[in-house]
Amino acid sequence: MADSAGSAATAPQVVPENGVRDVRLLKSTDDDYCGVVVEMDEPMDSATFVPILRASISHWRQLGKKTVWIKLPTHLACLIEPLVKEGFWYHHAEPKYLMLVYWIPETPNDIPANATHRVCVGGFIMNEKQEILVVREKGGPFWLTGVWKFPTGAVDQGEDICAAAVREVKEETGIDTEFVEVLAFSQTLKSYFTKSELFILCMLRPLSFDIQVQEQEIEDAQWMPFEEYAAQPFNKKHEFVKQMNEVCWAKTGGHYSGFSPVPSSSCFSNRKGSMFLNAGGLKRCNSF
């Protein structure tokens, strides 16, 4: 979605229409892609709203704008129908708002789709006895198999991948850990309401060892010898789990290098993030 952190629109809030009467404009901010973002908040009925919306779109068209994003909070749900009738469509929804979008030019739109993937993490944690931390879930597909598995979970919105892995392990088992590196990641297409899933396997170092099971989601947790974990029939049967286990075993033997986070930021903003790379391999390369 286009970034809504642009500058405030400089257009006046009252403009003449047909030289007869004044019509308000919706307050908006410019985004970085020749569009505007409107964050609705003022209570308004559809009879009042539609003329203001039409005048605003006409004004934005004159300014050469392409996209109109309207962020509609739940208390203004009554405006969904008139917006759709005016040509807006749903882009995405969050618990407290619905985002609708409109394309002004008479050309095919180039508006990016809503997020195409959700991101999940799994934690590979091994102690000095070469035992790994595993859990047995109370629900879901893994519960039906009875298999012991790595702690896993979804990354929260705006959450760092490293922090998510540490958090999930702590929530499910009570074990404190620190992030080491990303070992591998996989992609599963159309796995969650038509969205694809990225699963990121992270290696974590244990900082505590006494397990405290989260009883809401987890049936049991334990430290288990790696060989016993890998020998489970389920793990031998499924190629994805076999590949994941091979990566983990190779890492414990010093035969595999994963990806470590290096702080970075966006090219066009101050938003912080990380680039994950093989730092050891990079050092062996000649600099340029």
Protein backbone atom coordinates (compact mmCIF):
# COMPACT_ATOMS: atom_id res chain seq x y z
CA MET A 1 0.00 0.00 0.00
CA ALA A 2 1.16 3.51 -0.67
CA ASP A 3 2.80 5.23 2.28
CA SER A 4 0.48 7.68 3.99
CA ALA A 5 3.19 9.64 5.78
CA GLY A 6 3.36 12.37 3.15
CA SER A 7 2.86 16.10 3.52
CA ALA A 8 -0.52 17.65 4.28
CA ALA A 9 -2.58 18.73 1.28
CA THR A 10 -2.42 22.47 0.68
CA ALA A 11 -5.79 22.81 -1.06
CA PRO A 12 -8.37 25.02 0.67
CA GLN A 13 -11.19 23.23 2.42
CA VAL A 14 -13.86 25.27 0.60
CA VAL A 15 -14.05 25.48 -3.21
CA PRO A 16 -16.64 26.89 -5.58
CA GLU A 17 -18.81 24.43 -7.51
CA ASN A 18 -20.42 25.73 -10.72
CA GLY A 19 -19.96 29.21 -9.33
CA VAL A 20 -23.10 28.79 -7.27
CA ARG A 21 -22.28 27.43 -3.85
CA ASP A 22 -19.29 26.35 -1.81
CA VAL A 23 -18.60 22.66 -1.16
CA ARG A 24 -16.15 21.37 1.42
CA LEU A 25 -13.23 19.17 0.53
CA LEU A 26 -12.11 16.17 2.49
CA LYS A 27 -8.92 16.75 4.45
CA SER A 28 -6.10 14.67 3.00
CA THR A 29 -2.36 14.08 2.98
CA ASP A 30 -0.21 13.35 -0.05
CA ASP A 31 1.48 9.98 -0.31
CA ASP A 32 4.71 9.20 -2.17
CA TYR A 33 2.98 7.79 -5.26
CA CYS A 34 0.89 10.66 -6.60
CA GLY A 35 -2.05 9.81 -4.39
CA VAL A 36 -3.86 11.14 -1.36
CA VAL A 37 -4.85 9.55 1.94
CA VAL A 38 -8.01 10.53 3.81
CA GLU A 39 -8.38 9.51 7.44
CA MET A 40 -12.07 9.81 8.23
CA ASP A 41 -13.12 10.62 11.78
CA GLU A 42 -15.88 13.26 11.73
CA PRO A 43 -19.38 11.78 12.09
CA MET A 44 -21.21 12.20 8.79
CA ASP A 45 -24.24 10.72 7.03
CA SER A 46 -24.17 9.62 3.39
CA ALA A 47 -26.32 12.53 2.16
CA THR A 48 -23.73 14.99 3.47
CA PHE A 49 -20.72 12.86 2.60
CA VAL A 50 -21.29 12.05 -1.08
CA PRO A 51 -21.26 15.66 -2.43
CA ILE A 52 -18.09 16.36 -0.45
CA LEU A 53 -16.48 13.17 -1.77
CA ARG A 54 -17.37 13.98 -5.40
CA ALA A 55 -16.04 17.54 -5.10
CA SER A 56 -12.83 16.22 -3.52
CA ILE A 57 -12.25 13.67 -6.27
CA SER A 58 -12.82 16.39 -8.89
CA HIS A 59 -10.28 18.58 -7.13
CA TRP A 60 -7.71 15.79 -6.88
CA ARG A 61 -8.23 14.97 -10.55
CA GLN A 62 -7.40 18.58 -11.45
CA LEU A 63 -4.23 18.28 -9.38
CA GLY A 64 -3.19 15.19 -11.35
CA LYS A 65 -3.59 12.77 -8.45
CA LYS A 66 -4.04 9.10 -9.27
CA THR A 67 -5.09 7.24 -6.13
CA VAL A 68 -7.42 8.03 -3.26
CA TRP A 69 -7.10 6.01 -0.07
CA ILE A 70 -9.88 6.36 2.50
CA LYS A 71 -9.24 4.97 5.97
CA LEU A 72 -12.67 4.35 7.46
CA PRO A 73 -12.92 3.65 11.21
CA THR A 74 -15.54 1.25 12.50
CA HIS A 75 -17.78 4.04 13.83
CA LEU A 76 -18.22 5.30 10.24
CA ALA A 77 -19.18 1.93 8.74
CA CYS A 78 -22.36 3.59 7.46
CA LEU A 79 -20.24 5.20 4.71
CA ILE A 80 -19.09 1.90 3.20
CA GLU A 81 -22.09 1.58 0.90
CA PRO A 82 -21.89 5.10 -0.58
CA LEU A 83 -18.13 4.74 -1.07
CA VAL A 84 -18.57 1.46 -2.97
CA LYS A 85 -21.32 3.04 -5.09
CA GLU A 86 -18.91 5.86 -5.98
CA GLY A 87 -16.39 3.35 -7.30
CA PHE A 88 -14.20 2.61 -4.26
CA TRP A 89 -13.21 -0.97 -3.44
CA TYR A 90 -11.85 -2.74 -0.37
CA HIS A 91 -8.09 -2.93 -0.11
CA HIS A 92 -7.52 -4.29 3.39
CA ALA A 93 -9.01 -4.30 6.87
CA GLU A 94 -7.66 -4.12 10.40
CA PRO A 95 -9.57 -4.52 13.69
CA LYS A 96 -10.37 -0.80 13.92
CA TYR A 97 -10.62 0.34 10.29
CA LEU A 98 -11.33 -0.55 6.68
CA MET A 99 -9.11 0.85 3.92
CA LEU A 100 -10.85 1.60 0.62
CA VAL A 101 -9.20 2.81 -2.56
CA TYR A 102 -10.20 4.62 -5.76
CA TRP A 103 -8.30 5.01 -9.04
CA ILE A 104 -8.83 8.41 -10.68
CA PRO A 105 -7.30 8.12 -14.20
CA GLU A 106 -9.19 6.38 -17.00
CA THR A 107 -6.39 3.82 -17.36
CA PRO A 108 -5.77 0.39 -15.82
CA ASN A 109 -4.76 0.88 -12.19
CA ASP A 110 -1.34 -0.02 -10.83
CA ILE A 111 -2.38 -0.12 -7.17
CA PRO A 112 -0.42 -2.84 -5.31
CA ALA A 113 -2.43 -5.64 -3.76
CA ASN A 114 -2.74 -6.03 -0.03
CA ALA A 115 0.00 -8.03 1.73
CA THR A 116 0.45 -11.32 -0.12
CA HIS A 117 2.13 -13.30 2.68
CA ARG A 118 1.92 -13.82 6.39
CA VAL A 119 5.20 -14.53 8.21
CA CYS A 120 5.75 -17.27 10.77
CA VAL A 121 8.85 -18.25 12.74
CA GLY A 122 10.15 -21.41 14.33
CA GLY A 123 12.80 -21.71 17.02
CA PHE A 124 15.61 -24.29 16.98
CA ILE A 125 17.11 -24.35 20.48
CA MET A 126 19.73 -26.89 21.59
CA ASN A 127 21.32 -27.26 25.03
CA GLU A 128 24.81 -28.52 25.88
CA LYS A 129 23.54 -32.14 25.99
CA GLN A 130 22.48 -31.84 22.32
CA GLU A 131 18.86 -31.92 23.42
CA ILE A 132 16.45 -29.67 21.59
CA LEU A 133 13.44 -27.83 22.94
CA VAL A 134 10.21 -29.30 21.54
CA VAL A 135 6.51 -28.88 22.20
CA ARG A 136 3.32 -30.81 21.64
CA GLU A 137 0.37 -28.60 20.70
CA LYS A 138 -3.20 -28.79 22.01
CA GLY A 139 -4.90 -27.90 18.73
CA GLY A 140 -4.41 -27.62 14.99
CA PRO A 141 -3.03 -30.09 12.45
CA PHE A 142 0.08 -30.96 14.47
CA TRP A 143 -2.08 -31.90 17.46
CA LEU A 144 -3.81 -34.54 15.33
CA THR A 145 -0.44 -36.16 14.56
CA GLY A 146 0.80 -36.13 18.17
CA VAL A 147 4.22 -35.05 16.89
CA TRP A 148 6.83 -33.20 18.96
CA LYS A 149 7.87 -30.05 17.09
CA PHE A 150 9.83 -26.81 17.38
CA PRO A 151 8.04 -23.87 19.02
CA THR A 152 6.45 -21.83 16.22
CA GLY A 153 4.12 -18.89 15.75
CA ALA A 154 3.13 -15.88 13.65
CA VAL A 155 5.06 -12.61 13.58
CA ASP A 156 2.99 -9.72 14.91
CA GLN A 157 2.40 -6.63 12.81
CA GLY A 158 5.47 -4.40 12.94
CA GLU A 159 7.45 -6.98 14.93
CA ASP A 160 11.08 -7.83 14.23
CA ILE A 161 11.65 -11.43 13.10
CA CYS A 162 14.34 -12.03 15.72
CA ALA A 163 12.15 -10.67 18.51
CA ALA A 164 9.20 -12.76 17.30
CA ALA A 165 11.17 -16.00 17.54
CA VAL A 166 12.35 -15.19 21.07
CA ARG A 167 8.83 -14.18 22.10
CA GLU A 168 7.15 -17.32 20.74
CA VAL A 169 9.59 -19.62 22.54
CA LYS A 170 9.12 -17.71 25.79
CA GLU A 171 5.31 -17.76 25.49
CA GLU A 172 5.07 -21.47 24.75
CA THR A 173 7.77 -22.89 27.03
CA GLY A 174 8.87 -20.19 29.48
CA ILE A 175 12.46 -20.56 28.19
CA ASP A 176 14.49 -17.36 27.74
CA THR A 177 16.64 -17.28 24.61
CA GLU A 178 18.73 -14.98 22.48
CA PHE A 179 18.64 -14.88 18.69
CA VAL A 180 21.62 -16.38 16.83
CA GLU A 181 20.74 -16.48 13.13
CA VAL A 182 18.24 -17.40 10.46
CA LEU A 183 18.95 -20.93 9.28
CA ALA A 184 16.48 -21.20 6.38
CA PHE A 185 13.06 -20.14 5.19
CA SER A 186 10.30 -21.73 3.17
CA GLN A 187 7.32 -20.51 1.19
CA THR A 188 3.92 -22.21 1.09
CA LEU A 189 1.54 -20.85 -1.54
CA LYS A 190 -2.07 -19.94 -0.72
CA SER A 191 -2.02 -21.51 2.71
CA TYR A 192 -4.07 -18.98 4.71
CA PHE A 193 -7.21 -17.41 3.23
CA THR A 194 -5.48 -17.36 -0.21
CA LYS A 195 -2.41 -15.71 1.34
CA SER A 196 0.92 -17.48 1.08
CA GLU A 197 3.14 -18.12 4.09
CA LEU A 198 6.81 -17.49 4.72
CA PHE A 199 8.19 -19.72 7.48
CA ILE A 200 11.54 -18.58 8.90
CA LEU A 201 13.57 -21.10 10.86
CA CYS A 202 15.66 -19.35 13.51
CA MET A 203 18.45 -20.66 15.70
CA LEU A 204 18.25 -19.41 19.29
CA ARG A 205 20.62 -19.82 22.23
CA PRO A 206 18.98 -20.88 25.52
CA LEU A 207 19.48 -18.57 28.50
CA SER A 208 17.33 -20.63 30.89
CA PHE A 209 16.39 -24.30 31.00
CA ASP A 210 13.42 -24.82 33.34
CA ILE A 211 10.30 -25.32 31.23
CA GLN A 212 6.99 -23.67 32.13
CA VAL A 213 4.33 -24.80 29.68
CA GLN A 214 1.78 -22.31 28.40
CA GLU A 215 -1.33 -24.36 29.07
CA GLN A 216 -3.66 -22.50 26.72
CA GLU A 217 -2.02 -23.75 23.51
CA ILE A 218 0.66 -26.24 24.53
CA GLU A 219 -0.02 -29.73 25.85
CA ASP A 220 3.57 -30.44 26.87
CA ALA A 221 7.18 -29.36 26.30
CA GLN A 222 10.53 -30.99 26.95
CA TRP A 223 14.21 -31.18 26.12
CA MET A 224 14.59 -34.14 23.73
CA PRO A 225 17.67 -35.76 22.17
CA PHE A 226 17.90 -34.63 18.55
CA GLU A 227 18.05 -38.21 17.26
CA GLU A 228 14.83 -39.10 19.09
CA TYR A 229 13.07 -36.03 17.73
CA ALA A 230 14.19 -36.69 14.15
CA ALA A 231 13.22 -40.38 14.36
CA GLN A 232 9.50 -39.61 14.77
CA PRO A 233 7.54 -41.23 11.90
CA PHE A 234 5.96 -37.89 11.02
CA ASN A 235 9.37 -36.26 10.63
CA LYS A 236 10.64 -39.06 8.41
CA LYS A 237 7.57 -38.92 6.20
CA HIS A 238 7.41 -35.21 5.34
CA GLU A 239 10.08 -33.72 3.09
CA PHE A 240 9.81 -30.21 4.53
CA VAL A 241 10.51 -31.40 8.09
CA LYS A 242 13.33 -33.67 6.88
CA GLN A 243 15.01 -30.75 5.10
CA MET A 244 14.61 -28.52 8.15
CA ASN A 245 16.14 -31.17 10.41
CA GLU A 246 19.06 -31.69 8.02
CA VAL A 247 19.82 -27.97 8.16
CA CYS A 248 19.69 -27.95 11.97
CA TRP A 249 21.90 -31.04 12.27
CA ALA A 250 24.42 -29.61 9.81
CA LYS A 251 24.52 -26.41 11.86
CA THR A 252 25.25 -28.28 15.08
CA GLY A 253 28.16 -30.01 13.36
CA GLY A 254 29.64 -26.75 12.11
CA HIS A 255 28.94 -27.60 8.47
CA TYR A 256 26.37 -24.92 7.74
CA SER A 257 26.21 -21.14 8.05
CA GLY A 258 22.96 -19.24 8.31
CA PHE A 259 22.09 -15.58 7.98
CA SER A 260 22.72 -12.94 10.63
CA PRO A 261 20.83 -9.62 10.86
CA VAL A 262 22.73 -6.47 9.97
CA PRO A 263 20.94 -3.20 10.87
CA SER A 264 19.78 -1.22 7.86
CA SER A 265 17.17 1.36 6.92
CA SER A 266 14.92 2.14 4.00
CA CYS A 267 16.43 4.04 1.06
CA PHE A 268 13.73 6.70 1.18
CA SER A 269 12.82 6.96 4.85
CA ASN A 270 14.22 6.49 8.33
CA ARG A 271 12.36 3.23 8.90
CA LYS A 272 14.72 0.79 10.54
CA GLY A 273 15.11 -2.85 9.60
CA SER A 274 17.69 -5.56 9.01
CA MET A 275 19.40 -7.23 6.10
CA PHE A 276 19.99 -10.94 6.73
CA LEU A 277 23.22 -12.20 5.22
CA ASN A 278 26.00 -14.73 5.62
CA ALA A 279 28.51 -12.49 7.36
CA GLY A 280 31.27 -15.12 7.32
CA GLY A 281 30.92 -15.69 3.60
CA LEU A 282 30.89 -11.96 2.98
CA LYS A 283 34.19 -11.50 4.83
CA ARG A 284 35.82 -14.05 2.56
CA CYS A 285 34.91 -12.02 -0.50
CA ASN A 286 37.07 -9.22 -1.85
CA SER A 287 35.63 -5.81 -1.08
CA PHE A 288 34.86 -3.43 -3.93
